[in-house]
């Protein structure tokens, strides 16, 4: 059974940092494209960053230079290091996996329709 479990969310002041983790199990982790998405209050879910099975990454324009996606294949864990946080980064953050082999790297970050397994999310709140 595929499981994705996020952790690391919380409340932080603007300019601060957080590191999100996503523990993955139930599939061949190393071969799957993985991604982070977020859903701000009252808005649609949007792609944040993706990483492919070779470690190549892609970030949304809104987080370039501030967020870094990475993975530890030995630990089956996906990370999102978030620095210089802004109030507009406030959202529920989700990790996702593509187990169908359809995702591709795009210059502007991941697209939701390419990912078929999702975690439950972790809340990030940034105060000004």
C-alpha atoms as a PDB file:
ATOM      1  CA  UNK A   1       0.000   0.000   0.000  1.00  0.00           C
ATOM      2  CA  UNK A   2       1.429   3.355  -1.053  1.00  0.00           C
ATOM      3  CA  UNK A   3       1.712   5.885   1.756  1.00  0.00           C
ATOM      4  CA  UNK A   4       3.015   9.433   1.800  1.00  0.00           C
ATOM      5  CA  UNK A   5       3.197  11.131   5.195  1.00  0.00           C
ATOM      6  CA  UNK A   6       4.196  14.776   5.482  1.00  0.00           C
ATOM      7  CA  UNK A   7       5.619  16.461   8.565  1.00  0.00           C
ATOM      8  CA  UNK A   8       7.505  19.593   9.549  1.00  0.00           C
ATOM      9  CA  UNK A   9       4.841  22.232   9.061  1.00  0.00           C
ATOM     10  CA  UNK A  10       4.178  24.928  11.615  1.00  0.00           C
ATOM     11  CA  UNK A  11       3.988  28.643  12.260  1.00  0.00           C
ATOM     12  CA  UNK A  12       6.905  30.943  11.545  1.00  0.00           C
ATOM     13  CA  UNK A  13       7.510  34.654  11.124  1.00  0.00           C
ATOM     14  CA  UNK A  14       8.293  36.166   7.752  1.00  0.00           C
ATOM     15  CA  UNK A  15      11.929  35.655   6.848  1.00  0.00           C
ATOM     16  CA  UNK A  16      12.118  32.397   8.751  1.00  0.00           C
ATOM     17  CA  UNK A  17      12.733  28.850   7.574  1.00  0.00           C
ATOM     18  CA  UNK A  18      11.061  25.463   7.756  1.00  0.00           C
ATOM     19  CA  UNK A  19      11.933  22.037   6.403  1.00  0.00           C
ATOM     20  CA  UNK A  20       9.129  19.757   5.346  1.00  0.00           C
ATOM     21  CA  UNK A  21       9.564  15.999   5.142  1.00  0.00           C
ATOM     22  CA  UNK A  22       7.563  13.345   3.332  1.00  0.00           C
ATOM     23  CA  UNK A  23       8.064   9.716   4.316  1.00  0.00           C
ATOM     24  CA  UNK A  24       7.214   7.394   1.443  1.00  0.00           C
ATOM     25  CA  UNK A  25       6.485   3.681   1.520  1.00  0.00           C
ATOM     26  CA  UNK A  26       4.856   0.936  -0.505  1.00  0.00           C
ATOM     27  CA  UNK A  27       6.540   1.495  -3.870  1.00  0.00           C
ATOM     28  CA  UNK A  28       9.913   1.733  -5.598  1.00  0.00           C
ATOM     29  CA  UNK A  29      10.830   5.145  -4.285  1.00  0.00           C
ATOM     30  CA  UNK A  30      13.972   5.752  -6.290  1.00  0.00           C
ATOM     31  CA  UNK A  31      12.269   5.426  -9.671  1.00  0.00           C
ATOM     32  CA  UNK A  32       9.356   7.789  -9.085  1.00  0.00           C
ATOM     33  CA  UNK A  33       9.028  11.470  -9.784  1.00  0.00           C
ATOM     34  CA  UNK A  34       8.145  13.276  -6.556  1.00  0.00           C
ATOM     35  CA  UNK A  35       6.787  16.748  -5.968  1.00  0.00           C
ATOM     36  CA  UNK A  36       5.505  19.284  -3.485  1.00  0.00           C
ATOM     37  CA  UNK A  37       2.271  21.172  -3.988  1.00  0.00           C
ATOM     38  CA  UNK A  38       0.479  23.712  -1.844  1.00  0.00           C
ATOM     39  CA  UNK A  39      -3.021  25.059  -1.445  1.00  0.00           C
ATOM     40  CA  UNK A  40      -3.341  28.561   0.027  1.00  0.00           C
ATOM     41  CA  UNK A  41      -6.563  29.407   1.879  1.00  0.00           C
ATOM     42  CA  UNK A  42      -9.411  29.921  -0.586  1.00  0.00           C
ATOM     43  CA  UNK A  43      -7.259  29.128  -3.604  1.00  0.00           C
ATOM     44  CA  UNK A  44      -6.549  26.197  -5.884  1.00  0.00           C
ATOM     45  CA  UNK A  45      -3.677  23.802  -5.327  1.00  0.00           C
ATOM     46  CA  UNK A  46      -0.468  24.801  -7.116  1.00  0.00           C
ATOM     47  CA  UNK A  47       2.818  23.139  -7.893  1.00  0.00           C
ATOM     48  CA  UNK A  48       5.849  24.151  -5.851  1.00  0.00           C
ATOM     49  CA  UNK A  49       8.771  21.916  -6.815  1.00  0.00           C
ATOM     50  CA  UNK A  50       9.511  18.542  -8.355  1.00  0.00           C
ATOM     51  CA  UNK A  51      12.424  16.112  -8.464  1.00  0.00           C
ATOM     52  CA  UNK A  52      12.931  13.281 -10.911  1.00  0.00           C
ATOM     53  CA  UNK A  53      14.582   9.903 -10.527  1.00  0.00           C
ATOM     54  CA  UNK A  54      17.955  11.391 -11.531  1.00  0.00           C
ATOM     55  CA  UNK A  55      17.794  14.187  -8.984  1.00  0.00           C
ATOM     56  CA  UNK A  56      16.940  16.940 -11.450  1.00  0.00           C
ATOM     57  CA  UNK A  57      14.650  19.568  -9.996  1.00  0.00           C
ATOM     58  CA  UNK A  58      12.124  22.111 -11.127  1.00  0.00           C
ATOM     59  CA  UNK A  59      10.678  25.002  -9.110  1.00  0.00           C
ATOM     60  CA  UNK A  60       7.725  27.324  -9.454  1.00  0.00           C
ATOM     61  CA  UNK A  61       8.715  30.918 -10.181  1.00  0.00           C
ATOM     62  CA  UNK A  62       7.237  32.058  -6.868  1.00  0.00           C
ATOM     63  CA  UNK A  63       9.714  29.970  -4.850  1.00  0.00           C
ATOM     64  CA  UNK A  64      12.848  30.026  -7.008  1.00  0.00           C
ATOM     65  CA  UNK A  65      15.903  30.868  -4.957  1.00  0.00           C
ATOM     66  CA  UNK A  66      14.055  30.330  -1.657  1.00  0.00           C
ATOM     67  CA  UNK A  67      12.843  26.703  -1.642  1.00  0.00           C
ATOM     68  CA  UNK A  68      14.896  23.596  -2.356  1.00  0.00           C
ATOM     69  CA  UNK A  69      13.496  20.139  -3.023  1.00  0.00           C
ATOM     70  CA  UNK A  70      15.662  17.110  -2.290  1.00  0.00           C
ATOM     71  CA  UNK A  71      15.316  13.445  -1.506  1.00  0.00           C
ATOM     72  CA  UNK A  72      17.110  10.788   0.460  1.00  0.00           C
ATOM     73  CA  UNK A  73      16.570   7.535  -1.397  1.00  0.00           C
ATOM     74  CA  UNK A  74      18.142   5.473   1.380  1.00  0.00           C
ATOM     75  CA  UNK A  75      15.561   6.853   3.824  1.00  0.00           C
ATOM     76  CA  UNK A  76      12.690   7.008   1.287  1.00  0.00           C
ATOM     77  CA  UNK A  77      12.133  10.612   2.300  1.00  0.00           C
ATOM     78  CA  UNK A  78      11.393  13.736   0.293  1.00  0.00           C
ATOM     79  CA  UNK A  79      12.274  17.158   1.670  1.00  0.00           C
ATOM     80  CA  UNK A  80      11.387  20.768   1.012  1.00  0.00           C
ATOM     81  CA  UNK A  81      13.714  23.321   2.559  1.00  0.00           C
ATOM     82  CA  UNK A  82      11.908  26.647   2.712  1.00  0.00           C
ATOM     83  CA  UNK A  83      13.904  29.797   3.426  1.00  0.00           C
ATOM     84  CA  UNK A  84      13.002  33.482   3.426  1.00  0.00           C
ATOM     85  CA  UNK A  85       9.370  32.589   3.995  1.00  0.00           C
ATOM     86  CA  UNK A  86       6.690  35.137   3.139  1.00  0.00           C
ATOM     87  CA  UNK A  87       3.083  35.457   4.339  1.00  0.00           C
ATOM     88  CA  UNK A  88       1.968  34.431   0.848  1.00  0.00           C
ATOM     89  CA  UNK A  89       3.651  31.062   1.388  1.00  0.00           C
ATOM     90  CA  UNK A  90       0.928  30.254   3.933  1.00  0.00           C
ATOM     91  CA  UNK A  91      -0.782  27.089   2.697  1.00  0.00           C
ATOM     92  CA  UNK A  92      -1.383  23.403   3.219  1.00  0.00           C
ATOM     93  CA  UNK A  93       1.611  21.637   1.696  1.00  0.00           C
ATOM     94  CA  UNK A  94       1.257  18.222   0.070  1.00  0.00           C
ATOM     95  CA  UNK A  95       3.782  15.762  -1.258  1.00  0.00           C
ATOM     96  CA  UNK A  96       2.886  13.682  -4.265  1.00  0.00           C
ATOM     97  CA  UNK A  97       4.285  10.809  -6.296  1.00  0.00           C
ATOM     98  CA  UNK A  98       3.887   9.814  -9.926  1.00  0.00           C
ATOM     99  CA  UNK A  99       3.758   6.029 -10.085  1.00  0.00           C
ATOM    100  CA  UNK A 100       2.411   5.890 -13.642  1.00  0.00           C
ATOM    101  CA  UNK A 101       5.572   7.248 -15.224  1.00  0.00           C
ATOM    102  CA  UNK A 102       3.840  10.223 -16.879  1.00  0.00           C
ATOM    103  CA  UNK A 103       5.460  13.187 -15.115  1.00  0.00           C
ATOM    104  CA  UNK A 104       8.094  15.278 -16.874  1.00  0.00           C
ATOM    105  CA  UNK A 105      10.268  18.103 -15.648  1.00  0.00           C
ATOM    106  CA  UNK A 106       8.824  21.488 -16.525  1.00  0.00           C
ATOM    107  CA  UNK A 107      10.613  24.815 -16.052  1.00  0.00           C
ATOM    108  CA  UNK A 108       7.768  26.251 -13.986  1.00  0.00           C
ATOM    109  CA  UNK A 109       7.334  23.371 -11.557  1.00  0.00           C
ATOM    110  CA  UNK A 110       5.050  20.329 -11.337  1.00  0.00           C
ATOM    111  CA  UNK A 111       1.535  19.958 -12.701  1.00  0.00           C
ATOM    112  CA  UNK A 112      -1.063  18.350 -10.475  1.00  0.00           C
ATOM    113  CA  UNK A 113      -2.560  16.045 -13.117  1.00  0.00           C
ATOM    114  CA  UNK A 114       0.721  14.136 -13.485  1.00  0.00           C
ATOM    115  CA  UNK A 115       0.769  12.867  -9.874  1.00  0.00           C
ATOM    116  CA  UNK A 116      -1.472  10.071  -8.716  1.00  0.00           C
ATOM    117  CA  UNK A 117      -0.574   9.549  -5.047  1.00  0.00           C
ATOM    118  CA  UNK A 118      -0.891  12.219  -2.408  1.00  0.00           C
ATOM    119  CA  UNK A 119      -0.197  12.718   1.257  1.00  0.00           C
ATOM    120  CA  UNK A 120      -2.622  14.277   3.714  1.00  0.00           C
ATOM    121  CA  UNK A 121      -0.757  17.560   3.925  1.00  0.00           C
ATOM    122  CA  UNK A 122       1.012  19.669   6.535  1.00  0.00           C
ATOM    123  CA  UNK A 123       0.054  23.257   7.350  1.00  0.00           C
ATOM    124  CA  UNK A 124       2.533  26.107   6.994  1.00  0.00           C
ATOM    125  CA  UNK A 125       1.584  29.513   8.376  1.00  0.00           C
ATOM    126  CA  UNK A 126       3.813  32.548   7.890  1.00  0.00           C
ATOM    127  CA  UNK A 127       3.026  35.696   9.856  1.00  0.00           C
ATOM    128  CA  UNK A 128       4.186  39.192   8.957  1.00  0.00           C
END
